[in-house]
Amino acid sequence: MKKLITDWAYIAILVGILGGLVWVLLVSILRKNQKVNSLLKADDLLGRECTVEIPFDRENRGKIRVSIKGFTMDLLAVTQEKTKFNKGEKAVILERINNNTVSVVSEKYLSNQDLD
């Protein structure tokens, strides 16, 4: 009787291992065809609306928050405008200076430029 139980235990272990290997093989085949790219390109930030988190002006850097591709990012921000950006104001990203710093303008500035 013990021999029969031991044989079934070995068979159960073997079936479990084979089932696991088949599952891993199927998942790897399915994932091979997927293209996942969560990296941000510089162009992904351009023209995005953001919210000022730490106030700044032409002389000082601040911080903005932007949502992109389902993620929320905080970035350092600079501007060439004479106006001061206060917490909670909306701004638009003009360019990416480096990995963590962007140049922004106010929405008011953009709407005035459209009129000219």
PDB file of N, CA and C in Angstrom:
ATOM      1  N   MET A   1       0.818  -1.193   0.000  1.00  0.00           N
ATOM      2  CA  MET A   1       0.000   0.000   0.000  1.00  0.00           C
ATOM      3  C   MET A   1       0.863   1.260   0.000  1.00  0.00           C
ATOM      4  N   LYS A   2       1.942   1.260   0.801  1.00  0.00           N
ATOM      5  CA  LYS A   2       2.832   2.414   0.843  1.00  0.00           C
ATOM      6  C   LYS A   2       3.485   2.637  -0.519  1.00  0.00           C
ATOM      7  N   LYS A   3       3.809   1.558  -1.215  1.00  0.00           N
ATOM      8  CA  LYS A   3       4.435   1.651  -2.533  1.00  0.00           C
ATOM      9  C   LYS A   3       3.487   2.331  -3.518  1.00  0.00           C
ATOM     10  N   LEU A   4       2.188   1.988  -3.451  1.00  0.00           N
ATOM     11  CA  LEU A   4       1.195   2.577  -4.338  1.00  0.00           C
ATOM     12  C   LEU A   4       1.059   4.080  -4.088  1.00  0.00           C
ATOM     13  N   ILE A   5       1.050   4.489  -2.825  1.00  0.00           N
ATOM     14  CA  ILE A   5       0.948   5.911  -2.474  1.00  0.00           C
ATOM     15  C   ILE A   5       2.200   6.643  -2.938  1.00  0.00           C
ATOM     16  N   THR A   6       3.359   6.050  -2.760  1.00  0.00           N
ATOM     17  CA  THR A   6       4.617   6.663  -3.177  1.00  0.00           C
ATOM     18  C   THR A   6       4.648   6.833  -4.694  1.00  0.00           C
ATOM     19  N   ASP A   7       4.171   5.814  -5.437  1.00  0.00           N
ATOM     20  CA  ASP A   7       4.134   5.912  -6.900  1.00  0.00           C
ATOM     21  C   ASP A   7       3.229   7.058  -7.345  1.00  0.00           C
ATOM     22  N   TRP A   8       2.057   7.178  -6.723  1.00  0.00           N
ATOM     23  CA  TRP A   8       1.145   8.264  -7.074  1.00  0.00           C
ATOM     24  C   TRP A   8       1.734   9.621  -6.723  1.00  0.00           C
ATOM     25  N   ALA A   9       2.474   9.700  -5.649  1.00  0.00           N
ATOM     26  CA  ALA A   9       3.115  10.964  -5.258  1.00  0.00           C
ATOM     27  C   ALA A   9       4.139  11.381  -6.314  1.00  0.00           C
ATOM     28  N   TYR A  10       4.925  10.433  -6.803  1.00  0.00           N
ATOM     29  CA  TYR A  10       5.911  10.732  -7.853  1.00  0.00           C
ATOM     30  C   TYR A  10       5.217  11.165  -9.144  1.00  0.00           C
ATOM     31  N   ILE A  11       4.136  10.501  -9.459  1.00  0.00           N
ATOM     32  CA  ILE A  11       3.380  10.859 -10.664  1.00  0.00           C
ATOM     33  C   ILE A  11       2.796  12.272 -10.517  1.00  0.00           C
ATOM     34  N   ALA A  12       2.273  12.610  -9.355  1.00  0.00           N
ATOM     35  CA  ALA A  12       1.699  13.938  -9.117  1.00  0.00           C
ATOM     36  C   ALA A  12       2.778  15.018  -9.219  1.00  0.00           C
ATOM     37  N   ILE A  13       3.943  14.739  -8.675  1.00  0.00           N
ATOM     38  CA  ILE A  13       5.050  15.694  -8.756  1.00  0.00           C
ATOM     39  C   ILE A  13       5.475  15.885 -10.206  1.00  0.00           C
ATOM     40  N   LEU A  14       5.608  14.798 -10.952  1.00  0.00           N
ATOM     41  CA  LEU A  14       5.997  14.858 -12.355  1.00  0.00           C
ATOM     42  C   LEU A  14       4.972  15.636 -13.187  1.00  0.00           C
ATOM     43  N   VAL A  15       3.689  15.385 -12.959  1.00  0.00           N
ATOM     44  CA  VAL A  15       2.633  16.105 -13.680  1.00  0.00           C
ATOM     45  C   VAL A  15       2.686  17.595 -13.327  1.00  0.00           C
ATOM     46  N   GLY A  16       2.918  17.932 -12.075  1.00  0.00           N
ATOM     47  CA  GLY A  16       3.020  19.333 -11.646  1.00  0.00           C
ATOM     48  C   GLY A  16       4.180  20.052 -12.317  1.00  0.00           C
ATOM     49  N   ILE A  17       5.323  19.379 -12.360  1.00  0.00           N
ATOM     50  CA  ILE A  17       6.497  19.985 -12.993  1.00  0.00           C
ATOM     51  C   ILE A  17       6.266  20.171 -14.491  1.00  0.00           C
ATOM     52  N   LEU A  18       5.735  19.158 -15.160  1.00  0.00           N
ATOM     53  CA  LEU A  18       5.470  19.261 -16.590  1.00  0.00           C
ATOM     54  C   LEU A  18       4.419  20.338 -16.887  1.00  0.00           C
ATOM     55  N   GLY A  19       3.392  20.399 -16.070  1.00  0.00           N
ATOM     56  CA  GLY A  19       2.369  21.440 -16.250  1.00  0.00           C
ATOM     57  C   GLY A  19       2.954  22.833 -16.083  1.00  0.00           C
ATOM     58  N   GLY A  20       3.819  22.999 -15.104  1.00  0.00           N
ATOM     59  CA  GLY A  20       4.484  24.291 -14.892  1.00  0.00           C
ATOM     60  C   GLY A  20       5.361  24.672 -16.074  1.00  0.00           C
ATOM     61  N   LEU A  21       6.102  23.705 -16.598  1.00  0.00           N
ATOM     62  CA  LEU A  21       6.961  23.976 -17.756  1.00  0.00           C
ATOM     63  C   LEU A  21       6.143  24.362 -18.987  1.00  0.00           C
ATOM     64  N   VAL A  22       5.037  23.684 -19.199  1.00  0.00           N
ATOM     65  CA  VAL A  22       4.165  24.016 -20.331  1.00  0.00           C
ATOM     66  C   VAL A  22       3.607  25.422 -20.152  1.00  0.00           C
ATOM     67  N   TRP A  23       3.192  25.772 -18.955  1.00  0.00           N
ATOM     68  CA  TRP A  23       2.660  27.094 -18.674  1.00  0.00           C
ATOM     69  C   TRP A  23       3.705  28.185 -18.934  1.00  0.00           C
ATOM     70  N   VAL A  24       4.917  27.987 -18.462  1.00  0.00           N
ATOM     71  CA  VAL A  24       5.998  28.951 -18.682  1.00  0.00           C
ATOM     72  C   VAL A  24       6.286  29.094 -20.171  1.00  0.00           C
ATOM     73  N   LEU A  25       6.286  27.986 -20.897  1.00  0.00           N
ATOM     74  CA  LEU A  25       6.525  28.018 -22.337  1.00  0.00           C
ATOM     75  C   LEU A  25       5.437  28.813 -23.058  1.00  0.00           C
ATOM     76  N   LEU A  26       4.173  28.590 -22.703  1.00  0.00           N
ATOM     77  CA  LEU A  26       3.074  29.323 -23.330  1.00  0.00           C
ATOM     78  C   LEU A  26       3.143  30.821 -23.037  1.00  0.00           C
ATOM     79  N   VAL A  27       3.419  31.174 -21.802  1.00  0.00           N
ATOM     80  CA  VAL A  27       3.511  32.586 -21.433  1.00  0.00           C
ATOM     81  C   VAL A  27       4.671  33.252 -22.162  1.00  0.00           C
ATOM     82  N   SER A  28       5.803  32.587 -22.258  1.00  0.00           N
ATOM     83  CA  SER A  28       6.948  33.194 -22.942  1.00  0.00           C
ATOM     84  C   SER A  28       6.680  33.367 -24.436  1.00  0.00           C
ATOM     85  N   ILE A  29       5.960  32.439 -25.047  1.00  0.00           N
ATOM     86  CA  ILE A  29       5.607  32.580 -26.463  1.00  0.00           C
ATOM     87  C   ILE A  29       4.654  33.749 -26.658  1.00  0.00           C
ATOM     88  N   LEU A  30       3.663  33.888 -25.799  1.00  0.00           N
ATOM     89  CA  LEU A  30       2.716  34.985 -25.910  1.00  0.00           C
ATOM     90  C   LEU A  30       3.372  36.341 -25.665  1.00  0.00           C
ATOM     91  N   ARG A  31       4.282  36.424 -24.722  1.00  0.00           N
ATOM     92  CA  ARG A  31       4.951  37.683 -24.407  1.00  0.00           C
ATOM     93  C   ARG A  31       5.977  38.072 -25.452  1.00  0.00           C
ATOM     94  N   LYS A  32       6.476  37.105 -26.202  1.00  0.00           N
ATOM     95  CA  LYS A  32       7.480  37.396 -27.218  1.00  0.00           C
ATOM     96  C   LYS A  32       6.909  38.309 -28.297  1.00  0.00           C
ATOM     97  N   ASN A  33       5.612  38.206 -28.564  1.00  0.00           N
ATOM     98  CA  ASN A  33       4.976  39.004 -29.606  1.00  0.00           C
ATOM     99  C   ASN A  33       4.537  40.382 -29.123  1.00  0.00           C
ATOM    100  N   GLN A  34       4.581  40.624 -27.811  1.00  0.00           N
ATOM    101  CA  GLN A  34       4.165  41.913 -27.270  1.00  0.00           C
ATOM    102  C   GLN A  34       5.305  42.917 -27.346  1.00  0.00           C
ATOM    103  N   LYS A  35       4.946  44.147 -27.645  1.00  0.00           N
ATOM    104  CA  LYS A  35       5.918  45.233 -27.613  1.00  0.00           C
ATOM    105  C   LYS A  35       5.484  46.196 -26.525  1.00  0.00           C
ATOM    106  N   VAL A  36       6.252  46.260 -25.474  1.00  0.00           N
ATOM    107  CA  VAL A  36       5.956  47.142 -24.364  1.00  0.00           C
ATOM    108  C   VAL A  36       7.061  48.182 -24.293  1.00  0.00           C
ATOM    109  N   ASN A  37       6.662  49.448 -24.315  1.00  0.00           N
ATOM    110  CA  ASN A  37       7.640  50.516 -24.239  1.00  0.00           C
ATOM    111  C   ASN A  37       7.106  51.593 -23.313  1.00  0.00           C
ATOM    112  N   SER A  38       7.594  51.608 -22.102  1.00  0.00           N
ATOM    113  CA  SER A  38       7.146  52.608 -21.148  1.00  0.00           C
ATOM    114  C   SER A  38       8.157  53.739 -21.017  1.00  0.00           C
ATOM    115  N   LEU A  39       9.199  53.713 -21.862  1.00  0.00           N
ATOM    116  CA  LEU A  39      10.181  54.785 -21.828  1.00  0.00           C
ATOM    117  C   LEU A  39       9.583  56.054 -22.418  1.00  0.00           C
ATOM    118  N   LEU A  40       9.925  57.163 -21.807  1.00  0.00           N
ATOM    119  CA  LEU A  40       9.442  58.438 -22.311  1.00  0.00           C
ATOM    120  C   LEU A  40      10.450  59.016 -23.289  1.00  0.00           C
ATOM    121  N   LYS A  41       9.937  59.488 -24.390  1.00  0.00           N
ATOM    122  CA  LYS A  41      10.769  60.204 -25.347  1.00  0.00           C
ATOM    123  C   LYS A  41      10.610  61.690 -25.066  1.00  0.00           C
ATOM    124  N   ALA A  42      11.558  62.480 -25.527  1.00  0.00           N
ATOM    125  CA  ALA A  42      11.492  63.926 -25.307  1.00  0.00           C
ATOM    126  C   ALA A  42      10.211  64.503 -25.900  1.00  0.00           C
ATOM    127  N   ASP A  43       9.789  63.994 -27.042  1.00  0.00           N
ATOM    128  CA  ASP A  43       8.586  64.510 -27.696  1.00  0.00           C
ATOM    129  C   ASP A  43       7.314  64.204 -26.919  1.00  0.00           C
ATOM    130  N   ASP A  44       7.335  63.204 -26.053  1.00  0.00           N
ATOM    131  CA  ASP A  44       6.143  62.845 -25.282  1.00  0.00           C
ATOM    132  C   ASP A  44       5.730  63.957 -24.310  1.00  0.00           C
ATOM    133  N   LEU A  45       6.690  64.753 -23.863  1.00  0.00           N
ATOM    134  CA  LEU A  45       6.396  65.804 -22.893  1.00  0.00           C
ATOM    135  C   LEU A  45       5.988  67.118 -23.557  1.00  0.00           C
ATOM    136  N   LEU A  46       6.421  67.354 -24.783  1.00  0.00           N
ATOM    137  CA  LEU A  46       6.194  68.632 -25.438  1.00  0.00           C
ATOM    138  C   LEU A  46       4.705  68.913 -25.624  1.00  0.00           C
ATOM    139  N   GLY A  47       4.305  70.105 -25.217  1.00  0.00           N
ATOM    140  CA  GLY A  47       2.913  70.514 -25.364  1.00  0.00           C
ATOM    141  C   GLY A  47       1.983  69.992 -24.289  1.00  0.00           C
ATOM    142  N   ARG A  48       2.489  69.240 -23.346  1.00  0.00           N
ATOM    143  CA  ARG A  48       1.650  68.692 -22.267  1.00  0.00           C
ATOM    144  C   ARG A  48       1.337  69.759 -21.235  1.00  0.00           C
ATOM    145  N   GLU A  49       0.105  69.719 -20.758  1.00  0.00           N
ATOM    146  CA  GLU A  49      -0.286  70.604 -19.672  1.00  0.00           C
ATOM    147  C   GLU A  49       0.228  70.031 -18.364  1.00  0.00           C
ATOM    148  N   CYS A  50       0.699  70.906 -17.490  1.00  0.00           N
ATOM    149  CA  CYS A  50       1.221  70.467 -16.189  1.00  0.00           C
ATOM    150  C   CYS A  50       0.723  71.422 -15.115  1.00  0.00           C
ATOM    151  N   THR A  51       0.917  71.023 -13.872  1.00  0.00           N
ATOM    152  CA  THR A  51       0.493  71.823 -12.734  1.00  0.00           C
ATOM    153  C   THR A  51       1.717  72.195 -11.909  1.00  0.00           C
ATOM    154  N   VAL A  52       1.803  73.447 -11.509  1.00  0.00           N
ATOM    155  CA  VAL A  52       2.934  73.917 -10.705  1.00  0.00           C
ATOM    156  C   VAL A  52       2.788  73.374  -9.286  1.00  0.00           C
ATOM    157  N   GLU A  53       3.839  72.735  -8.805  1.00  0.00           N
ATOM    158  CA  GLU A  53       3.871  72.203  -7.437  1.00  0.00           C
ATOM    159  C   GLU A  53       4.704  73.091  -6.512  1.00  0.00           C
ATOM    160  N   ILE A  54       5.839  73.566  -6.999  1.00  0.00           N
ATOM    161  CA  ILE A  54       6.687  74.485  -6.235  1.00  0.00           C
ATOM    162  C   ILE A  54       6.829  75.752  -7.080  1.00  0.00           C
ATOM    163  N   PRO A  55       6.399  76.914  -6.552  1.00  0.00           N
ATOM    164  CA  PRO A  55       6.421  78.160  -7.321  1.00  0.00           C
ATOM    165  C   PRO A  55       7.829  78.496  -7.841  1.00  0.00           C
ATOM    166  N   PHE A  56       7.854  79.167  -9.001  1.00  0.00           N
ATOM    167  CA  PHE A  56       9.130  79.583  -9.583  1.00  0.00           C
ATOM    168  C   PHE A  56       8.916  80.780 -10.496  1.00  0.00           C
ATOM    169  N   ASP A  57      10.021  81.372 -10.897  1.00  0.00           N
ATOM    170  CA  ASP A  57       9.981  82.488 -11.836  1.00  0.00           C
ATOM    171  C   ASP A  57      11.202  82.395 -12.743  1.00  0.00           C
ATOM    172  N   ARG A  58      11.473  83.484 -13.447  1.00  0.00           N
ATOM    173  CA  ARG A  58      12.575  83.496 -14.416  1.00  0.00           C
ATOM    174  C   ARG A  58      13.933  83.256 -13.743  1.00  0.00           C
ATOM    175  N   GLU A  59      14.075  83.684 -12.495  1.00  0.00           N
ATOM    176  CA  GLU A  59      15.360  83.595 -11.792  1.00  0.00           C
ATOM    177  C   GLU A  59      15.542  82.291 -11.013  1.00  0.00           C
ATOM    178  N   ASN A  60      14.458  81.625 -10.683  1.00  0.00           N
ATOM    179  CA  ASN A  60      14.511  80.442  -9.817  1.00  0.00           C
ATOM    180  C   ASN A  60      13.800  79.264 -10.464  1.00  0.00           C
ATOM    181  N   ARG A  61      14.300  78.076 -10.159  1.00  0.00           N
ATOM    182  CA  ARG A  61      13.639  76.860 -10.631  1.00  0.00           C
ATOM    183  C   ARG A  61      12.520  76.472  -9.676  1.00  0.00           C
ATOM    184  N   GLY A  62      11.575  75.732 -10.221  1.00  0.00           N
ATOM    185  CA  GLY A  62      10.485  75.212  -9.403  1.00  0.00           C
ATOM    186  C   GLY A  62      10.216  73.775  -9.792  1.00  0.00           C
ATOM    187  N   LYS A  63       9.037  73.307  -9.449  1.00  0.00           N
ATOM    188  CA  LYS A  63       8.688  71.923  -9.772  1.00  0.00           C
ATOM    189  C   LYS A  63       7.282  71.880 -10.339  1.00  0.00           C
ATOM    190  N   ILE A  64       7.108  71.043 -11.374  1.00  0.00           N
ATOM    191  CA  ILE A  64       5.794  70.842 -11.974  1.00  0.00           C
ATOM    192  C   ILE A  64       5.443  69.364 -11.914  1.00  0.00           C
ATOM    193  N   ARG A  65       4.149  69.090 -12.052  1.00  0.00           N
ATOM    194  CA  ARG A  65       3.661  67.706 -12.070  1.00  0.00           C
ATOM    195  C   ARG A  65       2.893  67.498 -13.366  1.00  0.00           C
ATOM    196  N   VAL A  66       3.221  66.403 -14.061  1.00  0.00           N
ATOM    197  CA  VAL A  66       2.574  66.094 -15.331  1.00  0.00           C
ATOM    198  C   VAL A  66       2.182  64.621 -15.340  1.00  0.00           C
ATOM    199  N   SER A  67       1.036  64.321 -15.940  1.00  0.00           N
ATOM    200  CA  SER A  67       0.594  62.933 -16.094  1.00  0.00           C
ATOM    201  C   SER A  67       0.775  62.535 -17.548  1.00  0.00           C
ATOM    202  N   ILE A  68       1.443  61.400 -17.753  1.00  0.00           N
ATOM    203  CA  ILE A  68       1.719  60.926 -19.103  1.00  0.00           C
ATOM    204  C   ILE A  68       1.821  59.410 -19.108  1.00  0.00           C
ATOM    205  N   LYS A  69       1.190  58.789 -20.067  1.00  0.00           N
ATOM    206  CA  LYS A  69       1.185  57.330 -20.218  1.00  0.00           C
ATOM    207  C   LYS A  69       0.786  56.614 -18.923  1.00  0.00           C
ATOM    208  N   GLY A  70      -0.144  57.191 -18.209  1.00  0.00           N
ATOM    209  CA  GLY A  70      -0.644  56.571 -16.993  1.00  0.00           C
ATOM    210  C   GLY A  70       0.229  56.781 -15.765  1.00  0.00           C
ATOM    211  N   PHE A  71       1.294  57.559 -15.893  1.00  0.00           N
ATOM    212  CA  PHE A  71       2.188  57.830 -14.776  1.00  0.00           C
ATOM    213  C   PHE A  71       2.161  59.309 -14.438  1.00  0.00           C
ATOM    214  N   THR A  72       2.380  59.629 -13.183  1.00  0.00           N
ATOM    215  CA  THR A  72       2.507  61.007 -12.747  1.00  0.00           C
ATOM    216  C   THR A  72       3.972  61.269 -12.447  1.00  0.00           C
ATOM    217  N   MET A  73       4.504  62.331 -13.048  1.00  0.00           N
ATOM    218  CA  MET A  73       5.916  62.654 -12.882  1.00  0.00           C
ATOM    219  C   MET A  73       6.066  64.055 -12.317  1.00  0.00           C
ATOM    220  N   ASP A  74       7.047  64.229 -11.445  1.00  0.00           N
ATOM    221  CA  ASP A  74       7.440  65.549 -10.972  1.00  0.00           C
ATOM    222  C   ASP A  74       8.760  65.891 -11.642  1.00  0.00           C
ATOM    223  N   LEU A  75       8.826  67.088 -12.224  1.00  0.00           N
ATOM    224  CA  LEU A  75      10.023  67.531 -12.924  1.00  0.00           C
ATOM    225  C   LEU A  75      10.395  68.932 -12.473  1.00  0.00           C
ATOM    226  N   LEU A  76      11.688  69.243 -12.521  1.00  0.00           N
ATOM    227  CA  LEU A  76      12.128  70.606 -12.285  1.00  0.00           C
ATOM    228  C   LEU A  76      11.699  71.443 -13.471  1.00  0.00           C
ATOM    229  N   ALA A  77      11.387  72.713 -13.210  1.00  0.00           N
ATOM    230  CA  ALA A  77      10.895  73.574 -14.279  1.00  0.00           C
ATOM    231  C   ALA A  77      11.578  74.932 -14.243  1.00  0.00           C
ATOM    232  N   VAL A  78      11.817  75.466 -15.431  1.00  0.00           N
ATOM    233  CA  VAL A  78      12.336  76.821 -15.607  1.00  0.00           C
ATOM    234  C   VAL A  78      11.451  77.522 -16.624  1.00  0.00           C
ATOM    235  N   THR A  79      11.559  78.847 -16.676  1.00  0.00           N
ATOM    236  CA  THR A  79      10.787  79.616 -17.644  1.00  0.00           C
ATOM    237  C   THR A  79      11.581  80.825 -18.090  1.00  0.00           C
ATOM    238  N   GLN A  80      11.234  81.362 -19.241  1.00  0.00           N
ATOM    239  CA  GLN A  80      11.807  82.609 -19.726  1.00  0.00           C
ATOM    240  C   GLN A  80      10.806  83.758 -19.584  1.00  0.00           C
ATOM    241  N   GLU A  81       9.617  83.443 -19.099  1.00  0.00           N
ATOM    242  CA  GLU A  81       8.594  84.472 -18.901  1.00  0.00           C
ATOM    243  C   GLU A  81       8.949  85.355 -17.708  1.00  0.00           C
ATOM    244  N   LYS A  82       8.427  86.589 -17.730  1.00  0.00           N
ATOM    245  CA  LYS A  82       8.660  87.511 -16.620  1.00  0.00           C
ATOM    246  C   LYS A  82       7.719  87.243 -15.452  1.00  0.00           C
ATOM    247  N   THR A  83       6.633  86.541 -15.711  1.00  0.00           N
ATOM    248  CA  THR A  83       5.628  86.278 -14.691  1.00  0.00           C
ATOM    249  C   THR A  83       6.086  85.192 -13.716  1.00  0.00           C
ATOM    250  N   LYS A  84       5.486  85.200 -12.526  1.00  0.00           N
ATOM    251  CA  LYS A  84       5.776  84.178 -11.524  1.00  0.00           C
ATOM    252  C   LYS A  84       4.720  83.081 -11.621  1.00  0.00           C
ATOM    253  N   PHE A  85       5.150  81.855 -11.530  1.00  0.00           N
ATOM    254  CA  PHE A  85       4.238  80.707 -11.528  1.00  0.00           C
ATOM    255  C   PHE A  85       3.953  80.334 -10.080  1.00  0.00           C
ATOM    256  N   ASN A  86       2.684  80.339  -9.704  1.00  0.00           N
ATOM    257  CA  ASN A  86       2.273  79.999  -8.340  1.00  0.00           C
ATOM    258  C   ASN A  86       1.751  78.574  -8.270  1.00  0.00           C
ATOM    259  N   LYS A  87       1.773  78.011  -7.069  1.00  0.00           N
ATOM    260  CA  LYS A  87       1.305  76.647  -6.851  1.00  0.00           C
ATOM    261  C   LYS A  87      -0.130  76.486  -7.348  1.00  0.00           C
ATOM    262  N   GLY A  88      -0.353  75.410  -8.104  1.00  0.00           N
ATOM    263  CA  GLY A  88      -1.683  75.105  -8.606  1.00  0.00           C
ATOM    264  C   GLY A  88      -1.981  75.667  -9.987  1.00  0.00           C
ATOM    265  N   GLU A  89      -1.149  76.598 -10.471  1.00  0.00           N
ATOM    266  CA  GLU A  89      -1.368  77.152 -11.805  1.00  0.00           C
ATOM    267  C   GLU A  89      -1.052  76.116 -12.869  1.00  0.00           C
ATOM    268  N   LYS A  90      -1.683  76.291 -14.019  1.00  0.00           N
ATOM    269  CA  LYS A  90      -1.432  75.414 -15.156  1.00  0.00           C
ATOM    270  C   LYS A  90      -0.350  76.031 -16.034  1.00  0.00           C
ATOM    271  N   ALA A  91       0.470  75.171 -16.598  1.00  0.00           N
ATOM    272  CA  ALA A  91       1.525  75.592 -17.521  1.00  0.00           C
ATOM    273  C   ALA A  91       1.602  74.568 -18.642  1.00  0.00           C
ATOM    274  N   VAL A  92       2.363  74.899 -19.670  1.00  0.00           N
ATOM    275  CA  VAL A  92       2.541  74.003 -20.808  1.00  0.00           C
ATOM    276  C   VAL A  92       4.034  73.803 -21.035  1.00  0.00           C
ATOM    277  N   ILE A  93       4.426  72.560 -21.242  1.00  0.00           N
ATOM    278  CA  ILE A  93       5.843  72.235 -21.435  1.00  0.00           C
ATOM    279  C   ILE A  93       6.258  72.576 -22.863  1.00  0.00           C
ATOM    280  N   LEU A  94       7.317  73.387 -22.979  1.00  0.00           N
ATOM    281  CA  LEU A  94       7.838  73.781 -24.288  1.00  0.00           C
ATOM    282  C   LEU A  94       8.963  72.881 -24.769  1.00  0.00           C
ATOM    283  N   GLU A  95       9.885  72.577 -23.863  1.00  0.00           N
ATOM    284  CA  GLU A  95      11.025  71.744 -24.251  1.00  0.00           C
ATOM    285  C   GLU A  95      11.595  71.023 -23.037  1.00  0.00           C
ATOM    286  N   ARG A  96      12.283  69.950 -23.339  1.00  0.00           N
ATOM    287  CA  ARG A  96      12.967  69.181 -22.301  1.00  0.00           C
ATOM    288  C   ARG A  96      14.430  69.583 -22.347  1.00  0.00           C
ATOM    289  N   ILE A  97      14.923  70.126 -21.251  1.00  0.00           N
ATOM    290  CA  ILE A  97      16.304  70.597 -21.208  1.00  0.00           C
ATOM    291  C   ILE A  97      17.254  69.445 -20.906  1.00  0.00           C
ATOM    292  N   ASN A  98      16.918  68.643 -19.931  1.00  0.00           N
ATOM    293  CA  ASN A  98      17.648  67.401 -19.640  1.00  0.00           C
ATOM    294  C   ASN A  98      16.657  66.416 -19.031  1.00  0.00           C
ATOM    295  N   ASN A  99      17.139  65.325 -18.461  1.00  0.00           N
ATOM    296  CA  ASN A  99      16.239  64.273 -17.981  1.00  0.00           C
ATOM    297  C   ASN A  99      15.219  64.745 -16.953  1.00  0.00           C
ATOM    298  N   ASN A 100      15.599  65.704 -16.102  1.00  0.00           N
ATOM    299  CA  ASN A 100      14.701  66.098 -15.013  1.00  0.00           C
ATOM    300  C   ASN A 100      14.240  67.542 -15.077  1.00  0.00           C
ATOM    301  N   THR A 101      14.601  68.285 -16.111  1.00  0.00           N
ATOM    302  CA  THR A 101      14.254  69.698 -16.180  1.00  0.00           C
ATOM    303  C   THR A 101      13.568  70.017 -17.505  1.00  0.00           C
ATOM    304  N   VAL A 102      12.488  70.794 -17.408  1.00  0.00           N
ATOM    305  CA  VAL A 102      11.757  71.219 -18.597  1.00  0.00           C
ATOM    306  C   VAL A 102      11.571  72.732 -18.569  1.00  0.00           C
ATOM    307  N   SER A 103      11.393  73.309 -19.744  1.00  0.00           N
ATOM    308  CA  SER A 103      11.074  74.720 -19.879  1.00  0.00           C
ATOM    309  C   SER A 103       9.572  74.828 -20.130  1.00  0.00           C
ATOM    310  N   VAL A 104       8.909  75.734 -19.398  1.00  0.00           N
ATOM    311  CA  VAL A 104       7.458  75.853 -19.501  1.00  0.00           C
ATOM    312  C   VAL A 104       7.045  77.293 -19.766  1.00  0.00           C
ATOM    313  N   VAL A 105       5.819  77.456 -20.254  1.00  0.00           N
ATOM    314  CA  VAL A 105       5.181  78.768 -20.385  1.00  0.00           C
ATOM    315  C   VAL A 105       3.783  78.656 -19.796  1.00  0.00           C
ATOM    316  N   SER A 106       3.224  79.800 -19.455  1.00  0.00           N
ATOM    317  CA  SER A 106       1.871  79.801 -18.898  1.00  0.00           C
ATOM    318  C   SER A 106       0.853  79.640 -20.018  1.00  0.00           C
ATOM    319  N   GLU A 107      -0.324  79.177 -19.646  1.00  0.00           N
ATOM    320  CA  GLU A 107      -1.400  79.063 -20.622  1.00  0.00           C
ATOM    321  C   GLU A 107      -1.809  80.449 -21.128  1.00  0.00           C
ATOM    322  N   LYS A 108      -1.710  81.460 -20.264  1.00  0.00           N
ATOM    323  CA  LYS A 108      -2.031  82.834 -20.661  1.00  0.00           C
ATOM    324  C   LYS A 108      -1.084  83.298 -21.771  1.00  0.00           C
ATOM    325  N   TYR A 109       0.173  82.969 -21.632  1.00  0.00           N
ATOM    326  CA  TYR A 109       1.170  83.344 -22.643  1.00  0.00           C
ATOM    327  C   TYR A 109       0.826  82.715 -23.994  1.00  0.00           C
ATOM    328  N   LEU A 110       0.457  81.444 -23.970  1.00  0.00           N
ATOM    329  CA  LEU A 110       0.108  80.768 -25.231  1.00  0.00           C
ATOM    330  C   LEU A 110      -1.142  81.371 -25.856  1.00  0.00           C
ATOM    331  N   SER A 111      -2.150  81.675 -25.049  1.00  0.00           N
ATOM    332  CA  SER A 111      -3.376  82.247 -25.617  1.00  0.00           C
ATOM    333  C   SER A 111      -3.115  83.640 -26.179  1.00  0.00           C
ATOM    334  N   ASN A 112      -2.214  84.418 -25.576  1.00  0.00           N
ATOM    335  CA  ASN A 112      -1.859  85.735 -26.119  1.00  0.00           C
ATOM    336  C   ASN A 112      -1.084  85.604 -27.414  1.00  0.00           C
ATOM    337  N   GLN A 113      -0.265  84.569 -27.527  1.00  0.00           N
ATOM    338  CA  GLN A 113       0.508  84.371 -28.744  1.00  0.00           C
ATOM    339  C   GLN A 113      -0.395  83.998 -29.913  1.00  0.00           C
ATOM    340  N   ASP A 114      -1.482  83.280 -29.623  1.00  0.00           N
ATOM    341  CA  ASP A 114      -2.412  82.888 -30.673  1.00  0.00           C
ATOM    342  C   ASP A 114      -3.125  84.104 -31.271  1.00  0.00           C
ATOM    343  N   LEU A 115      -3.306  85.157 -30.466  1.00  0.00           N
ATOM    344  CA  LEU A 115      -4.003  86.352 -30.935  1.00  0.00           C
ATOM    345  C   LEU A 115      -3.131  87.204 -31.842  1.00  0.00           C
ATOM    346  N   ASP A 116      -1.835  87.166 -31.635  1.00  0.00           N
ATOM    347  CA  ASP A 116      -0.910  88.000 -32.427  1.00  0.00           C
ATOM    348  C   ASP A 116      -0.727  87.496 -33.824  1.00  0.00           C
TER     349      ASP A 116
END
